[in-house]
């Protein structure tokens, strides 16, 4: 079954009403990064689709079990528009460390082949609403007992080795809450990456706020980090100060200088940033920043904002799919022209591409009526 290219963008921005909310199967609830999602396999691409946000009750899209085993049917209103499936529970989830900690509390499956962990599940900004990012739920999974506060390098190496061996995991993403130290998490990521790479050969992306000194970029690289994410989330000072007041204390000028220095170390495309479309930045502001970043060799991973339960923005509106489609129609071909497509990256969220449909727009400009199949 073929669907128009922008339909996946609509599904991801509006979410899917799951037929059995009490039994979502393998899904992400709370925690760091884009969350409250479930992974769906659309042809060769796995996409994280919101299923838990309150706003989804107004979505025209729904998912129901199919006739075949593991088959999921996607409907728009009452019309069947696609057939898909969802990744199952990975085998490494059945294991525990010697001291009794379940592996899935140390690192989790994202998409269908990515191992992700939040090394520090606490953040210096989180517990004070005068400084916290209003969209962030980093400590919610910790409060619910689904993870631990600090994953040691030894624990991460043990889980990574098992995930690669048992489930064919192809890359690892390490993010972190921001500690009080001025390296802003780069130090703990450096020691974590070194331990993993000493145990198993797997591409790694590290994610943190720009550290105080550029010397951390070669240190991360020498420890085995292949790619670096430093996430803007919002691109204008207006929105940064309103939505993420603590993080806005690190000025945009520092992000830009850090991007430039990091590209020198990791190479074009292997430095990336999240941009959450729908927080209040205008379409023009997002496009302008994204084009500047592409010229620098930074991949602007534009992702639809998903309201998360337990945060101040839990009832915030979801982004306009038409706006996302217009952005992606420009950014996808531009990434191709500049040679930093998701498939060319060594590791990271942009390489995975599951939290945004941007990856599906990475082709030469489409002719009128062009159709791309995901089913």
Protein backbone atom coordinates (compact mmCIF):
# COMPACT_ATOMS: atom_id res chain seq x y z
CA UNK A 1 0.00 0.00 0.00
CA UNK A 2 1.42 3.39 -0.99
CA UNK A 3 0.72 6.60 0.88
CA UNK A 4 1.59 10.20 0.17
CA UNK A 5 4.90 11.32 1.56
CA UNK A 6 3.49 13.78 4.09
CA UNK A 7 1.06 11.29 5.66
CA UNK A 8 3.71 9.95 8.02
CA UNK A 9 4.33 13.54 9.14
CA UNK A 10 0.62 13.91 9.93
CA UNK A 11 0.53 10.65 11.87
CA UNK A 12 3.60 11.57 13.90
CA UNK A 13 2.41 15.09 14.68
CA UNK A 14 -1.13 14.10 15.62
CA UNK A 15 -0.48 10.71 17.18
CA UNK A 16 -2.39 7.44 16.99
CA UNK A 17 -5.25 6.33 19.21
CA UNK A 18 -4.17 2.91 20.43
CA UNK A 19 -7.00 0.36 20.53
CA UNK A 20 -6.05 -0.99 23.97
CA UNK A 21 -4.53 1.88 26.02
CA UNK A 22 -4.08 -0.34 29.07
CA UNK A 23 -1.87 -2.74 27.08
CA UNK A 24 0.39 -0.70 24.78
CA UNK A 25 3.05 -3.40 24.54
CA UNK A 26 6.62 -2.18 24.25
CA UNK A 27 6.43 1.62 24.56
CA UNK A 28 8.27 4.56 26.13
CA UNK A 29 6.60 6.40 29.01
CA UNK A 30 8.26 9.35 30.77
CA UNK A 31 12.00 9.87 30.96
CA UNK A 32 14.41 11.91 28.90
CA UNK A 33 14.01 13.01 25.32
CA UNK A 34 10.93 12.55 23.11
CA UNK A 35 8.78 10.06 24.97
CA UNK A 36 5.24 8.73 25.45
CA UNK A 37 5.67 6.98 22.09
CA UNK A 38 5.37 3.52 20.58
CA UNK A 39 7.53 2.27 17.70
CA UNK A 40 5.82 1.32 14.43
CA UNK A 41 7.54 -0.23 11.42
CA UNK A 42 6.57 1.54 8.19
CA UNK A 43 8.29 -0.46 5.49
CA UNK A 44 12.02 -0.05 6.01
CA UNK A 45 11.68 2.82 8.51
CA UNK A 46 10.74 2.57 12.18
CA UNK A 47 8.91 5.62 13.53
CA UNK A 48 8.12 6.62 17.10
CA UNK A 49 4.44 7.61 17.18
CA UNK A 50 2.79 9.35 20.17
CA UNK A 51 0.08 7.20 21.78
CA UNK A 52 -0.18 8.50 25.36
CA UNK A 53 -0.64 12.30 25.13
CA UNK A 54 -4.10 13.63 26.00
CA UNK A 55 -4.20 15.59 22.72
CA UNK A 56 -4.32 12.34 20.75
CA UNK A 57 -8.00 11.91 21.58
CA UNK A 58 -8.64 14.35 18.74
CA UNK A 59 -6.47 12.51 16.22
CA UNK A 60 -8.20 10.94 13.21
CA UNK A 61 -5.62 8.12 13.25
CA UNK A 62 -6.06 4.87 15.16
CA UNK A 63 -4.32 1.51 15.38
CA UNK A 64 -5.94 -1.91 15.73
CA UNK A 65 -4.58 -5.48 15.72
CA UNK A 66 -4.61 -7.16 12.33
CA UNK A 67 -5.40 -10.73 11.34
CA UNK A 68 -1.78 -11.80 10.92
CA UNK A 69 0.53 -12.25 13.91
CA UNK A 70 2.08 -8.93 15.02
CA UNK A 71 0.16 -7.08 12.29
CA UNK A 72 -1.16 -3.61 13.16
CA UNK A 73 -3.74 -1.83 11.01
CA UNK A 74 -3.61 1.98 10.76
CA UNK A 75 -6.89 3.80 10.10
CA UNK A 76 -7.70 7.40 9.27
CA UNK A 77 -11.20 7.75 10.67
CA UNK A 78 -12.71 4.49 9.40
CA UNK A 79 -10.52 4.09 6.31
CA UNK A 80 -7.63 1.62 6.34
CA UNK A 81 -4.53 3.50 5.19
CA UNK A 82 -1.69 1.14 6.06
CA UNK A 83 -0.47 -2.06 7.65
CA UNK A 84 2.45 -2.06 10.01
CA UNK A 85 4.01 -3.89 12.95
CA UNK A 86 5.85 -3.00 16.13
CA UNK A 87 9.22 -4.19 17.46
CA UNK A 88 8.92 -6.79 20.19
CA UNK A 89 10.62 -7.04 23.56
CA UNK A 90 14.39 -7.42 23.13
CA UNK A 91 16.07 -10.42 24.73
CA UNK A 92 18.48 -8.34 26.80
CA UNK A 93 15.49 -7.05 28.80
CA UNK A 94 15.32 -10.47 30.49
CA UNK A 95 18.75 -10.06 32.10
CA UNK A 96 19.89 -8.45 35.34
CA UNK A 97 23.26 -7.34 36.66
CA UNK A 98 25.05 -9.28 39.38
CA UNK A 99 23.62 -6.88 41.95
CA UNK A 100 20.07 -7.41 40.70
CA UNK A 101 19.40 -4.37 38.50
CA UNK A 102 17.33 -5.19 35.39
CA UNK A 103 19.19 -4.34 32.21
CA UNK A 104 16.23 -2.30 30.95
CA UNK A 105 16.70 0.09 33.89
CA UNK A 106 20.20 0.81 32.59
CA UNK A 107 19.55 1.13 28.84
CA UNK A 108 16.48 0.70 26.65
CA UNK A 109 15.58 -0.18 23.09
CA UNK A 110 14.70 2.83 20.96
CA UNK A 111 13.26 2.32 17.49
CA UNK A 112 14.20 -1.24 16.46
CA UNK A 113 18.01 -1.30 16.61
CA UNK A 114 19.18 1.51 18.90
CA UNK A 115 20.35 1.18 22.50
CA UNK A 116 19.72 4.39 24.47
CA UNK A 117 20.61 5.42 27.99
CA UNK A 118 20.44 8.50 30.17
CA UNK A 119 23.68 8.21 32.14
CA UNK A 120 22.60 10.73 34.77
CA UNK A 121 18.82 10.59 35.26
CA UNK A 122 18.85 13.82 37.28
CA UNK A 123 19.41 17.39 36.12
CA UNK A 124 20.56 20.46 38.02
CA UNK A 125 17.77 22.45 36.38
CA UNK A 126 14.86 20.01 36.73
CA UNK A 127 13.44 20.45 40.23
CA UNK A 128 13.16 24.24 40.06
CA UNK A 129 10.46 25.38 37.64
CA UNK A 130 12.24 28.72 37.38
CA UNK A 131 15.09 26.93 35.59
CA UNK A 132 13.69 23.64 34.25
CA UNK A 133 12.87 22.93 30.62
CA UNK A 134 9.08 23.01 30.61
CA UNK A 135 8.79 20.04 28.23
CA UNK A 136 11.22 17.72 30.02
CA UNK A 137 10.31 14.58 31.97
CA UNK A 138 13.82 13.32 32.68
CA UNK A 139 13.18 12.46 36.35
CA UNK A 140 9.67 11.02 35.88
CA UNK A 141 10.89 7.54 34.96
CA UNK A 142 13.28 7.69 37.92
CA UNK A 143 10.44 8.58 40.29
CA UNK A 144 8.40 5.71 38.86
CA UNK A 145 11.19 3.22 39.54
CA UNK A 146 11.79 2.39 35.87
CA UNK A 147 15.44 3.43 35.92
CA UNK A 148 18.33 4.29 38.24
CA UNK A 149 19.88 7.68 38.88
CA UNK A 150 23.45 7.00 37.71
CA UNK A 151 24.48 4.24 35.35
CA UNK A 152 28.10 3.29 35.95
CA UNK A 153 30.51 2.77 33.05
CA UNK A 154 30.73 -0.92 33.97
CA UNK A 155 26.95 -1.34 33.89
CA UNK A 156 26.66 0.38 30.53
CA UNK A 157 29.40 -1.78 29.02
CA UNK A 158 27.75 -4.95 30.32
CA UNK A 159 24.34 -4.06 28.89
CA UNK A 160 25.74 -2.83 25.57
CA UNK A 161 27.64 -6.09 25.02
CA UNK A 162 24.51 -8.14 25.70
CA UNK A 163 22.29 -5.96 23.49
CA UNK A 164 24.66 -6.30 20.55
CA UNK A 165 25.13 -10.04 21.06
CA UNK A 166 21.51 -10.98 21.71
CA UNK A 167 19.51 -8.44 19.70
CA UNK A 168 21.79 -7.14 16.96
CA UNK A 169 21.76 -3.57 18.27
CA UNK A 170 23.55 -1.37 15.71
CA UNK A 171 24.25 1.89 17.56
CA UNK A 172 24.17 3.39 21.05
CA UNK A 173 23.02 6.83 22.19
CA UNK A 174 24.17 8.23 25.53
CA UNK A 175 22.44 11.32 26.83
CA UNK A 176 22.58 12.83 30.29
CA UNK A 177 20.92 15.24 32.62
CA UNK A 178 23.07 18.31 33.20
CA UNK A 179 25.18 18.04 36.38
CA UNK A 180 26.52 20.95 38.44
CA UNK A 181 29.97 20.62 36.85
CA UNK A 182 30.98 23.12 34.17
CA UNK A 183 31.70 20.37 31.65
CA UNK A 184 27.86 19.96 31.58
CA UNK A 185 28.02 16.17 31.42
CA UNK A 186 30.89 15.70 28.96
CA UNK A 187 33.09 14.10 31.62
CA UNK A 188 30.65 11.36 32.62
CA UNK A 189 29.93 10.66 28.94
CA UNK A 190 33.65 10.35 28.22
CA UNK A 191 34.22 7.70 30.88
CA UNK A 192 31.02 5.87 29.91
CA UNK A 193 31.92 5.71 26.21
CA UNK A 194 35.45 4.50 26.97
CA UNK A 195 34.08 1.62 29.05
CA UNK A 196 31.59 0.56 26.39
CA UNK A 197 34.10 0.66 23.54
CA UNK A 198 36.56 -1.38 25.60
CA UNK A 199 33.89 -4.11 25.83
CA UNK A 200 32.08 -4.03 22.48
CA UNK A 201 32.49 -2.43 19.06
CA UNK A 202 29.41 -0.25 18.54
CA UNK A 203 28.98 3.28 17.12
CA UNK A 204 28.16 5.79 19.88
CA UNK A 205 26.56 9.20 19.93
CA UNK A 206 26.98 11.29 23.10
CA UNK A 207 24.55 14.10 23.95
CA UNK A 208 25.05 17.00 26.37
CA UNK A 209 24.87 20.76 26.61
CA UNK A 210 27.93 22.56 25.19
CA UNK A 211 30.74 22.08 27.73
CA UNK A 212 32.70 25.01 29.09
CA UNK A 213 35.77 24.23 27.00
CA UNK A 214 36.21 22.84 23.49
CA UNK A 215 38.89 20.43 24.77
CA UNK A 216 36.07 18.08 25.71
CA UNK A 217 35.34 17.36 22.05
CA UNK A 218 38.65 15.57 21.32
CA UNK A 219 38.39 13.88 24.73
CA UNK A 220 35.01 12.46 23.78
CA UNK A 221 36.29 11.43 20.38
CA UNK A 222 39.36 9.71 21.86
CA UNK A 223 37.10 7.83 24.31
CA UNK A 224 35.23 6.24 21.40
CA UNK A 225 32.39 8.67 20.72
CA UNK A 226 31.60 8.80 16.99
CA UNK A 227 29.04 11.61 16.95
CA UNK A 228 27.89 14.41 19.22
CA UNK A 229 24.48 15.90 19.89
CA UNK A 230 24.08 19.33 21.51
CA UNK A 231 20.40 20.12 21.51
CA UNK A 232 18.99 23.59 21.00
CA UNK A 233 15.34 22.48 21.29
CA UNK A 234 14.25 26.11 20.66
CA UNK A 235 16.03 28.45 18.24
CA UNK A 236 14.96 31.95 19.32
CA UNK A 237 15.94 33.69 22.54
CA UNK A 238 12.27 34.56 23.01
CA UNK A 239 11.20 30.92 23.23
CA UNK A 240 14.35 29.72 24.97
CA UNK A 241 13.83 32.12 27.88
CA UNK A 242 10.12 31.30 28.16
CA UNK A 243 10.26 27.51 27.78
CA UNK A 244 13.77 26.58 29.01
CA UNK A 245 14.97 29.45 31.21
CA UNK A 246 17.86 27.59 32.86
CA UNK A 247 19.23 26.15 29.66
CA UNK A 248 18.89 29.58 28.02
CA UNK A 249 21.68 30.76 30.33
CA UNK A 250 23.99 29.00 27.87
CA UNK A 251 23.72 31.57 25.05
CA UNK A 252 23.10 30.75 21.41
CA UNK A 253 26.54 32.17 20.66
CA UNK A 254 28.11 29.38 22.75
CA UNK A 255 26.08 26.77 20.92
CA UNK A 256 27.26 28.10 17.57
CA UNK A 257 30.93 28.22 18.58
CA UNK A 258 30.63 24.74 20.10
CA UNK A 259 29.04 23.41 16.90
CA UNK A 260 31.89 24.84 14.86
CA UNK A 261 34.55 23.33 17.12
CA UNK A 262 32.79 19.96 17.31
CA UNK A 263 32.47 19.66 13.52
CA UNK A 264 36.26 20.05 13.32
CA UNK A 265 36.60 16.99 15.56
CA UNK A 266 33.74 14.70 14.52
CA UNK A 267 33.29 15.73 10.89
CA UNK A 268 30.41 17.19 8.90
CA UNK A 269 27.08 15.63 9.76
CA UNK A 270 28.31 13.83 12.85
CA UNK A 271 27.35 16.81 14.99
CA UNK A 272 23.62 17.30 15.37
CA UNK A 273 20.99 19.18 17.33
CA UNK A 274 17.34 18.62 18.21
CA UNK A 275 14.90 21.37 17.25
CA UNK A 276 11.44 20.84 18.73
CA UNK A 277 8.97 22.31 16.27
CA UNK A 278 5.84 23.56 17.98
CA UNK A 279 7.26 25.25 21.09
CA UNK A 280 6.64 28.75 19.75
CA UNK A 281 9.44 29.40 17.26
CA UNK A 282 8.05 30.55 13.93
CA UNK A 283 8.43 28.48 10.80
CA UNK A 284 10.79 31.13 9.41
CA UNK A 285 12.95 31.08 12.56
CA UNK A 286 13.29 27.30 12.47
CA UNK A 287 14.10 27.25 8.77
CA UNK A 288 16.67 30.03 9.06
CA UNK A 289 18.50 28.35 11.94
CA UNK A 290 18.34 24.92 10.29
CA UNK A 291 19.81 26.20 7.02
CA UNK A 292 22.62 27.96 8.92
CA UNK A 293 23.39 24.74 10.77
CA UNK A 294 23.45 22.67 7.58
CA UNK A 295 25.95 25.10 6.08
CA UNK A 296 28.12 24.56 9.19
CA UNK A 297 27.92 20.78 8.79
CA UNK A 298 25.49 20.30 11.68
CA UNK A 299 22.43 18.09 11.16
CA UNK A 300 19.30 19.97 12.38
CA UNK A 301 17.05 17.16 13.58
CA UNK A 302 13.68 18.91 13.47
CA UNK A 303 11.21 16.90 15.54
CA UNK A 304 7.52 17.49 16.27
CA UNK A 305 7.03 18.53 19.88
CA UNK A 306 5.06 15.93 21.87
CA UNK A 307 3.44 17.05 25.13
CA UNK A 308 4.42 14.69 27.97
CA UNK A 309 2.33 13.93 31.04
CA UNK A 310 3.69 15.33 34.29
CA UNK A 311 5.31 18.38 32.68
CA UNK A 312 4.13 22.01 32.58
CA UNK A 313 3.47 21.61 28.85
CA UNK A 314 1.39 18.45 29.23
CA UNK A 315 -1.67 20.17 27.72
CA UNK A 316 0.19 22.27 25.15
CA UNK A 317 -1.05 21.89 21.55
CA UNK A 318 0.76 19.54 19.21
CA UNK A 319 2.44 21.10 16.14
CA UNK A 320 0.80 21.79 12.80
CA UNK A 321 1.61 18.89 10.41
CA UNK A 322 1.43 21.27 7.43
CA UNK A 323 4.18 23.43 8.95
CA UNK A 324 6.36 20.35 9.49
CA UNK A 325 5.76 19.20 5.92
CA UNK A 326 6.80 22.59 4.53
CA UNK A 327 9.98 22.58 6.65
CA UNK A 328 10.89 19.04 5.65
CA UNK A 329 10.23 19.71 1.96
CA UNK A 330 13.05 22.28 2.13
CA UNK A 331 15.42 20.66 4.62
CA UNK A 332 15.38 17.11 3.21
CA UNK A 333 16.69 18.05 -0.25
CA UNK A 334 19.13 20.56 1.29
CA UNK A 335 20.66 17.82 3.45
CA UNK A 336 21.07 15.71 0.32
CA UNK A 337 22.76 18.59 -1.51
CA UNK A 338 25.17 19.17 1.38
CA UNK A 339 25.97 15.46 1.74
CA UNK A 340 24.99 15.02 5.38
CA UNK A 341 21.98 12.71 5.16
CA UNK A 342 20.96 10.51 8.06
CA UNK A 343 22.27 7.38 6.35
CA UNK A 344 25.74 8.91 6.06
CA UNK A 345 26.00 9.62 9.79
CA UNK A 346 27.93 7.30 12.08
CA UNK A 347 25.51 7.29 15.01
CA UNK A 348 22.77 9.25 16.74
CA UNK A 349 19.13 10.26 16.76
CA UNK A 350 19.31 11.75 13.26
CA UNK A 351 20.75 8.50 11.90
CA UNK A 352 17.94 6.54 13.55
CA UNK A 353 15.35 9.07 12.38
CA UNK A 354 12.48 7.46 14.29
CA UNK A 355 11.33 10.57 16.18
CA UNK A 356 10.81 12.67 13.04
CA UNK A 357 9.74 12.01 9.46
CA UNK A 358 12.52 14.32 8.19
CA UNK A 359 14.56 11.30 7.11
CA UNK A 360 11.88 10.30 4.59
CA UNK A 361 12.26 13.70 2.84
CA UNK A 362 15.97 13.18 2.15
CA UNK A 363 15.79 12.96 -1.62
CA UNK A 364 15.96 15.24 -4.60
CA UNK A 365 12.98 17.63 -4.81
CA UNK A 366 9.83 15.65 -5.58
CA UNK A 367 7.79 16.17 -8.72
CA UNK A 368 4.08 16.87 -8.36
CA UNK A 369 2.17 13.74 -7.47
CA UNK A 370 5.18 11.73 -6.37
CA UNK A 371 4.22 8.96 -3.96
CA UNK A 372 6.49 7.21 -1.47
CA UNK A 373 5.55 3.86 0.09
CA UNK A 374 5.98 3.13 3.80
CA UNK A 375 3.79 0.07 4.10
